[in-house]
Amino acid sequence: MKKFLLLSILINFLMNSCGSSTPTTQTRQPVRKPAVSNSGIRANSVSQTEREYQTLIKTYKSETAEVLTSLLNDSSESPTVPITVENKSNCNMVLTISGNNYFKKIPIGVNKIGSAMVPKNQNYNLSAMLCNSVYQKTKYMTSSYNIKLSN
């Protein structure tokens, strides 16, 4: 009986070391491709956005004083209008504002507000990567514009 037990353990060991005779199922993680916006530009991943945020935050000059002055005073005669963006998500973001002869990137931290003054009466493309979501909007600016983004 002892020999039979040792022989069965040896056979079992050899079968396991050579590979399993029963099929195994592997779960494959879906391959995530970066989102493609309507303009054909691939969206940044969260880590790329975070690196861009960390780089921009070091040299970014805020326009908070100009924006507050514009919002609090009657600025209907001003050639510029304020854009404010509130980041209510769990991720840092970089807002890109582009228009006719205008381009600016604004780093906006978690639960922070970013802002910029832009020339009035023009179309602007606003885009950002927010966690794993892409925000993209085209807006004709005639007055102040406020956005709240969350995930």
N, C-alpha and C. Protein backbone atom coordinates (compact mmCIF):
# COMPACT_ATOMS: atom_id res chain seq x y z
N MET A 1 0.81 -1.18 0.00
CA MET A 1 0.00 0.00 0.00
C MET A 1 0.86 1.25 0.00
N LYS A 2 1.97 1.18 0.73
CA LYS A 2 2.89 2.30 0.81
C LYS A 2 3.48 2.60 -0.57
N LYS A 3 3.83 1.55 -1.32
CA LYS A 3 4.40 1.73 -2.66
C LYS A 3 3.37 2.35 -3.60
N PHE A 4 2.11 1.94 -3.47
CA PHE A 4 1.05 2.47 -4.32
C PHE A 4 0.85 3.97 -4.05
N LEU A 5 0.89 4.36 -2.81
CA LEU A 5 0.73 5.77 -2.42
C LEU A 5 1.90 6.60 -2.95
N LEU A 6 3.12 6.12 -2.79
CA LEU A 6 4.30 6.83 -3.31
C LEU A 6 4.26 6.95 -4.83
N LEU A 7 3.84 5.85 -5.49
CA LEU A 7 3.75 5.86 -6.94
C LEU A 7 2.70 6.86 -7.43
N SER A 8 1.57 6.92 -6.75
CA SER A 8 0.52 7.87 -7.16
C SER A 8 0.96 9.32 -6.92
N ILE A 9 1.70 9.58 -5.84
CA ILE A 9 2.22 10.92 -5.57
C ILE A 9 3.24 11.30 -6.63
N LEU A 10 4.11 10.36 -7.01
CA LEU A 10 5.11 10.60 -8.04
C LEU A 10 4.45 10.89 -9.39
N ILE A 11 3.44 10.12 -9.74
CA ILE A 11 2.73 10.35 -11.01
C ILE A 11 2.02 11.69 -10.98
N ASN A 12 1.40 12.00 -9.88
CA ASN A 12 0.71 13.29 -9.72
C ASN A 12 1.71 14.45 -9.84
N PHE A 13 2.86 14.33 -9.22
CA PHE A 13 3.90 15.35 -9.29
C PHE A 13 4.37 15.56 -10.72
N LEU A 14 4.63 14.42 -11.44
CA LEU A 14 5.07 14.52 -12.83
C LEU A 14 4.02 15.15 -13.72
N MET A 15 2.76 14.84 -13.54
CA MET A 15 1.68 15.42 -14.34
C MET A 15 1.57 16.91 -14.10
N ASN A 16 1.70 17.34 -12.86
CA ASN A 16 1.60 18.75 -12.55
C ASN A 16 2.80 19.55 -13.06
N SER A 17 3.99 18.95 -13.04
CA SER A 17 5.17 19.66 -13.48
C SER A 17 5.24 19.79 -15.00
N CYS A 18 4.60 18.87 -15.72
CA CYS A 18 4.61 18.92 -17.18
C CYS A 18 3.53 19.84 -17.72
N GLY A 19 2.66 20.26 -16.93
CA GLY A 19 1.56 21.11 -17.39
C GLY A 19 0.26 20.44 -17.07
N SER A 20 -0.75 21.22 -16.98
CA SER A 20 -2.05 20.70 -16.62
C SER A 20 -2.72 20.06 -17.81
N SER A 21 -3.42 18.97 -17.56
CA SER A 21 -4.13 18.31 -18.64
C SER A 21 -5.53 18.89 -18.81
N THR A 22 -5.98 19.69 -17.82
CA THR A 22 -7.28 20.32 -17.95
C THR A 22 -7.09 21.73 -18.49
N PRO A 23 -7.98 22.16 -19.39
CA PRO A 23 -7.83 23.51 -19.95
C PRO A 23 -8.07 24.57 -18.89
N THR A 24 -7.31 25.62 -18.97
CA THR A 24 -7.49 26.74 -18.05
C THR A 24 -7.99 27.92 -18.84
N THR A 25 -8.75 28.74 -18.18
CA THR A 25 -9.24 29.95 -18.84
C THR A 25 -8.48 31.13 -18.27
N GLN A 26 -8.09 31.98 -19.16
CA GLN A 26 -7.40 33.19 -18.75
C GLN A 26 -8.30 34.37 -19.05
N THR A 27 -8.39 35.28 -18.10
CA THR A 27 -9.15 36.49 -18.36
C THR A 27 -8.19 37.53 -18.89
N ARG A 28 -8.51 38.04 -20.05
CA ARG A 28 -7.66 39.06 -20.67
C ARG A 28 -8.22 40.42 -20.36
N GLN A 29 -7.34 41.29 -19.97
CA GLN A 29 -7.74 42.66 -19.75
C GLN A 29 -7.98 43.30 -21.11
N PRO A 30 -9.07 44.06 -21.25
CA PRO A 30 -9.29 44.73 -22.53
C PRO A 30 -8.20 45.78 -22.76
N VAL A 31 -7.78 45.88 -23.98
CA VAL A 31 -6.76 46.87 -24.33
C VAL A 31 -7.46 48.19 -24.50
N ARG A 32 -7.05 49.16 -23.71
CA ARG A 32 -7.65 50.49 -23.80
C ARG A 32 -6.85 51.35 -24.75
N LYS A 33 -7.53 51.82 -25.75
CA LYS A 33 -6.89 52.74 -26.67
C LYS A 33 -7.23 54.15 -26.22
N PRO A 34 -6.32 55.10 -26.41
CA PRO A 34 -6.64 56.46 -26.03
C PRO A 34 -7.86 56.94 -26.80
N ALA A 35 -8.68 57.73 -26.12
CA ALA A 35 -9.86 58.27 -26.77
C ALA A 35 -9.45 59.20 -27.91
N VAL A 36 -10.24 59.19 -28.96
CA VAL A 36 -9.96 60.05 -30.09
C VAL A 36 -11.03 61.12 -30.13
N SER A 37 -10.62 62.36 -30.12
CA SER A 37 -11.58 63.45 -30.15
C SER A 37 -12.05 63.68 -31.58
N ASN A 38 -13.03 64.58 -31.73
CA ASN A 38 -13.56 64.88 -33.06
C ASN A 38 -12.52 65.50 -33.97
N SER A 39 -11.51 66.11 -33.41
CA SER A 39 -10.48 66.73 -34.23
C SER A 39 -9.41 65.74 -34.66
N GLY A 40 -9.52 64.49 -34.23
CA GLY A 40 -8.57 63.46 -34.63
C GLY A 40 -7.34 63.40 -33.75
N ILE A 41 -7.29 64.17 -32.68
CA ILE A 41 -6.14 64.19 -31.78
C ILE A 41 -6.37 63.16 -30.69
N ARG A 42 -5.40 62.31 -30.44
CA ARG A 42 -5.54 61.32 -29.38
C ARG A 42 -5.46 62.00 -28.03
N ALA A 43 -6.32 61.60 -27.13
CA ALA A 43 -6.36 62.18 -25.80
C ALA A 43 -5.21 61.64 -24.96
N ASN A 44 -4.75 62.46 -24.05
CA ASN A 44 -3.67 62.05 -23.14
C ASN A 44 -4.18 61.07 -22.12
N SER A 45 -3.30 60.22 -21.65
CA SER A 45 -3.65 59.34 -20.55
C SER A 45 -3.57 60.14 -19.26
N VAL A 46 -4.07 59.55 -18.19
CA VAL A 46 -4.07 60.24 -16.90
C VAL A 46 -2.64 60.57 -16.47
N SER A 47 -1.71 59.65 -16.65
CA SER A 47 -0.33 59.90 -16.23
C SER A 47 0.32 61.00 -17.07
N GLN A 48 0.02 61.04 -18.36
CA GLN A 48 0.58 62.11 -19.20
C GLN A 48 0.01 63.46 -18.77
N THR A 49 -1.28 63.49 -18.47
CA THR A 49 -1.90 64.73 -18.01
C THR A 49 -1.29 65.18 -16.70
N GLU A 50 -1.04 64.24 -15.80
CA GLU A 50 -0.44 64.58 -14.51
C GLU A 50 0.97 65.14 -14.70
N ARG A 51 1.75 64.54 -15.60
CA ARG A 51 3.10 65.07 -15.87
C ARG A 51 3.02 66.48 -16.46
N GLU A 52 2.09 66.68 -17.38
CA GLU A 52 1.92 68.00 -17.99
C GLU A 52 1.48 69.02 -16.94
N TYR A 53 0.56 68.61 -16.06
CA TYR A 53 0.11 69.48 -14.97
C TYR A 53 1.28 69.89 -14.08
N GLN A 54 2.09 68.91 -13.65
CA GLN A 54 3.23 69.19 -12.77
C GLN A 54 4.23 70.12 -13.43
N THR A 55 4.44 69.98 -14.74
CA THR A 55 5.37 70.86 -15.46
C THR A 55 4.81 72.28 -15.56
N LEU A 56 3.52 72.40 -15.92
CA LEU A 56 2.92 73.72 -16.09
C LEU A 56 2.77 74.48 -14.79
N ILE A 57 2.45 73.79 -13.71
CA ILE A 57 2.18 74.45 -12.43
C ILE A 57 3.41 75.20 -11.91
N LYS A 58 4.59 74.76 -12.33
CA LYS A 58 5.83 75.39 -11.88
C LYS A 58 6.01 76.79 -12.46
N THR A 59 5.50 77.03 -13.68
CA THR A 59 5.74 78.30 -14.35
C THR A 59 4.46 79.08 -14.66
N TYR A 60 3.31 78.55 -14.30
CA TYR A 60 2.04 79.18 -14.67
C TYR A 60 1.82 80.48 -13.90
N LYS A 61 1.40 81.50 -14.62
CA LYS A 61 1.07 82.80 -14.03
C LYS A 61 -0.45 82.95 -14.06
N SER A 62 -1.07 82.99 -12.90
CA SER A 62 -2.52 83.08 -12.78
C SER A 62 -3.02 84.47 -13.18
N GLU A 63 -4.23 84.51 -13.74
CA GLU A 63 -4.87 85.77 -14.11
C GLU A 63 -6.05 86.06 -13.17
N THR A 64 -5.98 85.56 -11.95
CA THR A 64 -7.09 85.66 -11.02
C THR A 64 -7.51 87.11 -10.77
N ALA A 65 -6.57 88.01 -10.58
CA ALA A 65 -6.91 89.41 -10.31
C ALA A 65 -7.68 90.03 -11.46
N GLU A 66 -7.24 89.80 -12.69
CA GLU A 66 -7.92 90.37 -13.86
C GLU A 66 -9.32 89.77 -14.01
N VAL A 67 -9.44 88.47 -13.76
CA VAL A 67 -10.74 87.80 -13.88
C VAL A 67 -11.71 88.33 -12.83
N LEU A 68 -11.27 88.43 -11.58
CA LEU A 68 -12.13 88.95 -10.52
C LEU A 68 -12.55 90.39 -10.78
N THR A 69 -11.63 91.20 -11.23
CA THR A 69 -11.95 92.59 -11.57
C THR A 69 -13.02 92.64 -12.65
N SER A 70 -12.87 91.81 -13.66
CA SER A 70 -13.84 91.77 -14.75
C SER A 70 -15.20 91.27 -14.27
N LEU A 71 -15.22 90.27 -13.40
CA LEU A 71 -16.48 89.72 -12.92
C LEU A 71 -17.20 90.68 -11.97
N LEU A 72 -16.45 91.42 -11.16
CA LEU A 72 -17.05 92.30 -10.16
C LEU A 72 -17.44 93.67 -10.71
N ASN A 73 -16.74 94.12 -11.73
CA ASN A 73 -17.03 95.43 -12.32
C ASN A 73 -17.81 95.25 -13.61
N ASP A 74 -18.47 96.32 -14.02
CA ASP A 74 -19.15 96.29 -15.31
C ASP A 74 -18.09 96.36 -16.39
N SER A 75 -17.88 95.25 -17.07
CA SER A 75 -16.81 95.19 -18.07
C SER A 75 -17.38 94.98 -19.47
N SER A 76 -18.58 95.50 -19.72
CA SER A 76 -19.20 95.31 -21.03
C SER A 76 -18.43 96.00 -22.15
N GLU A 77 -17.66 97.02 -21.81
CA GLU A 77 -16.86 97.74 -22.81
C GLU A 77 -15.46 97.13 -22.99
N SER A 78 -15.12 96.19 -22.16
CA SER A 78 -13.79 95.57 -22.21
C SER A 78 -13.65 94.70 -23.46
N PRO A 79 -12.46 94.69 -24.04
CA PRO A 79 -12.24 93.84 -25.22
C PRO A 79 -11.99 92.37 -24.86
N THR A 80 -11.96 92.05 -23.55
CA THR A 80 -11.73 90.67 -23.12
C THR A 80 -12.86 90.19 -22.21
N VAL A 81 -13.00 88.88 -22.12
CA VAL A 81 -13.99 88.26 -21.23
C VAL A 81 -13.31 87.15 -20.43
N PRO A 82 -13.81 86.90 -19.22
CA PRO A 82 -13.21 85.84 -18.40
C PRO A 82 -13.83 84.47 -18.67
N ILE A 83 -12.98 83.45 -18.59
CA ILE A 83 -13.41 82.05 -18.58
C ILE A 83 -12.95 81.47 -17.25
N THR A 84 -13.87 80.87 -16.51
CA THR A 84 -13.49 80.20 -15.27
C THR A 84 -13.93 78.74 -15.34
N VAL A 85 -13.05 77.85 -14.87
CA VAL A 85 -13.32 76.42 -14.89
C VAL A 85 -13.06 75.87 -13.50
N GLU A 86 -14.07 75.21 -12.94
CA GLU A 86 -13.95 74.61 -11.63
C GLU A 86 -13.77 73.10 -11.80
N ASN A 87 -12.69 72.59 -11.25
CA ASN A 87 -12.36 71.16 -11.34
C ASN A 87 -12.90 70.46 -10.10
N LYS A 88 -14.05 69.78 -10.24
CA LYS A 88 -14.67 69.07 -9.12
C LYS A 88 -14.37 67.57 -9.18
N SER A 89 -13.34 67.18 -9.93
CA SER A 89 -13.01 65.76 -10.08
C SER A 89 -11.94 65.35 -9.07
N ASN A 90 -11.52 64.10 -9.16
CA ASN A 90 -10.46 63.57 -8.29
C ASN A 90 -9.10 63.62 -8.96
N CYS A 91 -8.99 64.28 -10.12
CA CYS A 91 -7.75 64.31 -10.88
C CYS A 91 -7.36 65.75 -11.23
N ASN A 92 -6.06 66.01 -11.25
CA ASN A 92 -5.59 67.28 -11.77
C ASN A 92 -5.87 67.30 -13.27
N MET A 93 -6.03 68.49 -13.82
CA MET A 93 -6.31 68.60 -15.24
C MET A 93 -5.55 69.77 -15.85
N VAL A 94 -5.45 69.76 -17.17
CA VAL A 94 -4.87 70.86 -17.92
C VAL A 94 -5.91 71.28 -18.95
N LEU A 95 -6.40 72.50 -18.83
CA LEU A 95 -7.37 73.04 -19.78
C LEU A 95 -6.62 73.74 -20.90
N THR A 96 -6.96 73.40 -22.13
CA THR A 96 -6.36 74.07 -23.28
C THR A 96 -7.41 74.95 -23.92
N ILE A 97 -7.07 76.23 -24.09
CA ILE A 97 -7.95 77.18 -24.75
C ILE A 97 -7.24 77.63 -26.01
N SER A 98 -7.88 77.43 -27.14
CA SER A 98 -7.26 77.87 -28.39
C SER A 98 -8.30 78.57 -29.25
N GLY A 99 -7.84 79.61 -29.91
CA GLY A 99 -8.71 80.39 -30.79
C GLY A 99 -7.85 81.13 -31.80
N ASN A 100 -8.46 82.08 -32.48
CA ASN A 100 -7.77 82.88 -33.48
C ASN A 100 -6.66 83.69 -32.81
N ASN A 101 -5.41 83.35 -33.08
CA ASN A 101 -4.24 84.02 -32.49
C ASN A 101 -4.22 83.95 -30.96
N TYR A 102 -4.79 82.87 -30.40
CA TYR A 102 -4.78 82.71 -28.94
C TYR A 102 -4.58 81.24 -28.61
N PHE A 103 -3.67 80.95 -27.68
CA PHE A 103 -3.45 79.59 -27.20
C PHE A 103 -2.93 79.66 -25.78
N LYS A 104 -3.57 78.91 -24.89
CA LYS A 104 -3.15 78.92 -23.50
C LYS A 104 -3.49 77.58 -22.86
N LYS A 105 -2.59 77.10 -22.00
CA LYS A 105 -2.82 75.90 -21.20
C LYS A 105 -2.87 76.33 -19.75
N ILE A 106 -3.91 75.87 -19.05
CA ILE A 106 -4.12 76.26 -17.66
C ILE A 106 -4.14 75.01 -16.79
N PRO A 107 -3.19 74.87 -15.86
CA PRO A 107 -3.24 73.73 -14.94
C PRO A 107 -4.27 74.00 -13.83
N ILE A 108 -5.16 73.04 -13.61
CA ILE A 108 -6.20 73.21 -12.59
C ILE A 108 -6.18 71.98 -11.69
N GLY A 109 -5.87 72.20 -10.43
CA GLY A 109 -5.79 71.11 -9.46
C GLY A 109 -7.15 70.61 -9.02
N VAL A 110 -7.15 69.52 -8.27
CA VAL A 110 -8.37 68.93 -7.73
C VAL A 110 -9.07 69.96 -6.85
N ASN A 111 -10.36 70.16 -7.08
CA ASN A 111 -11.20 71.11 -6.33
C ASN A 111 -10.67 72.54 -6.38
N LYS A 112 -10.05 72.90 -7.46
CA LYS A 112 -9.54 74.27 -7.66
C LYS A 112 -10.26 74.91 -8.84
N ILE A 113 -10.09 76.21 -8.98
CA ILE A 113 -10.68 76.96 -10.08
C ILE A 113 -9.56 77.58 -10.90
N GLY A 114 -9.62 77.40 -12.19
CA GLY A 114 -8.67 78.01 -13.12
C GLY A 114 -9.40 79.05 -13.94
N SER A 115 -8.66 80.05 -14.40
CA SER A 115 -9.32 81.11 -15.16
C SER A 115 -8.36 81.75 -16.15
N ALA A 116 -8.97 82.43 -17.11
CA ALA A 116 -8.19 83.15 -18.12
C ALA A 116 -9.04 84.26 -18.69
N MET A 117 -8.37 85.28 -19.18
CA MET A 117 -9.03 86.36 -19.91
C MET A 117 -8.75 86.14 -21.39
N VAL A 118 -9.81 86.13 -22.21
CA VAL A 118 -9.65 85.90 -23.65
C VAL A 118 -10.29 87.05 -24.42
N PRO A 119 -9.79 87.35 -25.61
CA PRO A 119 -10.42 88.39 -26.44
C PRO A 119 -11.88 88.05 -26.73
N LYS A 120 -12.72 89.07 -26.67
CA LYS A 120 -14.16 88.92 -26.85
C LYS A 120 -14.53 88.70 -28.32
N ASN A 121 -15.72 88.14 -28.55
CA ASN A 121 -16.32 87.94 -29.86
C ASN A 121 -15.49 87.06 -30.79
N GLN A 122 -15.04 85.94 -30.24
CA GLN A 122 -14.29 84.96 -31.03
C GLN A 122 -14.71 83.56 -30.62
N ASN A 123 -14.49 82.60 -31.52
CA ASN A 123 -14.69 81.18 -31.22
C ASN A 123 -13.46 80.63 -30.53
N TYR A 124 -13.69 79.80 -29.50
CA TYR A 124 -12.59 79.15 -28.79
C TYR A 124 -12.88 77.67 -28.65
N ASN A 125 -11.84 76.88 -28.79
CA ASN A 125 -11.91 75.45 -28.52
C ASN A 125 -11.38 75.25 -27.11
N LEU A 126 -12.20 74.66 -26.27
CA LEU A 126 -11.82 74.34 -24.90
C LEU A 126 -11.70 72.82 -24.80
N SER A 127 -10.58 72.34 -24.33
CA SER A 127 -10.41 70.89 -24.22
C SER A 127 -9.58 70.55 -22.99
N ALA A 128 -9.86 69.37 -22.46
CA ALA A 128 -9.14 68.89 -21.28
C ALA A 128 -9.32 67.40 -21.15
N MET A 129 -8.37 66.78 -20.47
CA MET A 129 -8.47 65.37 -20.09
C MET A 129 -8.76 65.37 -18.60
N LEU A 130 -9.90 64.80 -18.22
CA LEU A 130 -10.32 64.80 -16.82
C LEU A 130 -10.46 63.35 -16.37
N CYS A 131 -9.48 62.89 -15.59
CA CYS A 131 -9.37 61.48 -15.23
C CYS A 131 -9.29 60.69 -16.53
N ASN A 132 -10.25 59.88 -16.88
CA ASN A 132 -10.20 59.15 -18.15
C ASN A 132 -11.23 59.67 -19.14
N SER A 133 -11.72 60.86 -18.92
CA SER A 133 -12.73 61.44 -19.80
C SER A 133 -12.17 62.65 -20.53
N VAL A 134 -12.65 62.83 -21.74
CA VAL A 134 -12.22 63.97 -22.55
C VAL A 134 -13.33 65.02 -22.53
N TYR A 135 -12.96 66.25 -22.23
CA TYR A 135 -13.90 67.37 -22.34
C TYR A 135 -13.48 68.18 -23.55
N GLN A 136 -14.44 68.47 -24.40
CA GLN A 136 -14.14 69.29 -25.58
C GLN A 136 -15.38 70.09 -25.94
N LYS A 137 -15.19 71.40 -26.12
CA LYS A 137 -16.30 72.29 -26.41
C LYS A 137 -15.79 73.44 -27.26
N THR A 138 -16.61 73.86 -28.22
CA THR A 138 -16.32 75.08 -28.98
C THR A 138 -17.36 76.11 -28.56
N LYS A 139 -16.90 77.28 -28.20
CA LYS A 139 -17.78 78.31 -27.66
C LYS A 139 -17.43 79.66 -28.24
N TYR A 140 -18.45 80.40 -28.64
CA TYR A 140 -18.26 81.79 -29.09
C TYR A 140 -18.39 82.67 -27.86
N MET A 141 -17.33 83.38 -27.53
CA MET A 141 -17.28 84.15 -26.28
C MET A 141 -17.72 85.60 -26.49
N THR A 142 -18.83 85.95 -25.83
CA THR A 142 -19.30 87.34 -25.85
C THR A 142 -19.38 87.91 -24.44
N SER A 143 -19.45 87.02 -23.45
CA SER A 143 -19.50 87.43 -22.05
C SER A 143 -18.80 86.38 -21.22
N SER A 144 -18.79 86.57 -19.91
CA SER A 144 -18.08 85.63 -19.03
C SER A 144 -18.67 84.23 -19.19
N TYR A 145 -17.80 83.22 -19.03
CA TYR A 145 -18.19 81.83 -19.23
C TYR A 145 -17.65 81.01 -18.07
N ASN A 146 -18.55 80.27 -17.39
CA ASN A 146 -18.17 79.46 -16.23
C ASN A 146 -18.48 77.99 -16.53
N ILE A 147 -17.55 77.09 -16.15
CA ILE A 147 -17.72 75.66 -16.35
C ILE A 147 -17.39 74.96 -15.03
N LYS A 148 -18.19 73.95 -14.69
CA LYS A 148 -17.87 73.05 -13.58
C LYS A 148 -17.73 71.67 -14.16
N LEU A 149 -16.57 71.07 -13.99
CA LEU A 149 -16.30 69.73 -14.51
C LEU A 149 -16.11 68.76 -13.35
N SER A 150 -16.74 67.58 -13.47
CA SER A 150 -16.55 66.54 -12.46
C SER A 150 -16.57 65.19 -13.13
N ASN A 151 -16.12 64.16 -12.40
CA ASN A 151 -16.12 62.82 -12.99
C ASN A 151 -17.29 62.01 -12.52
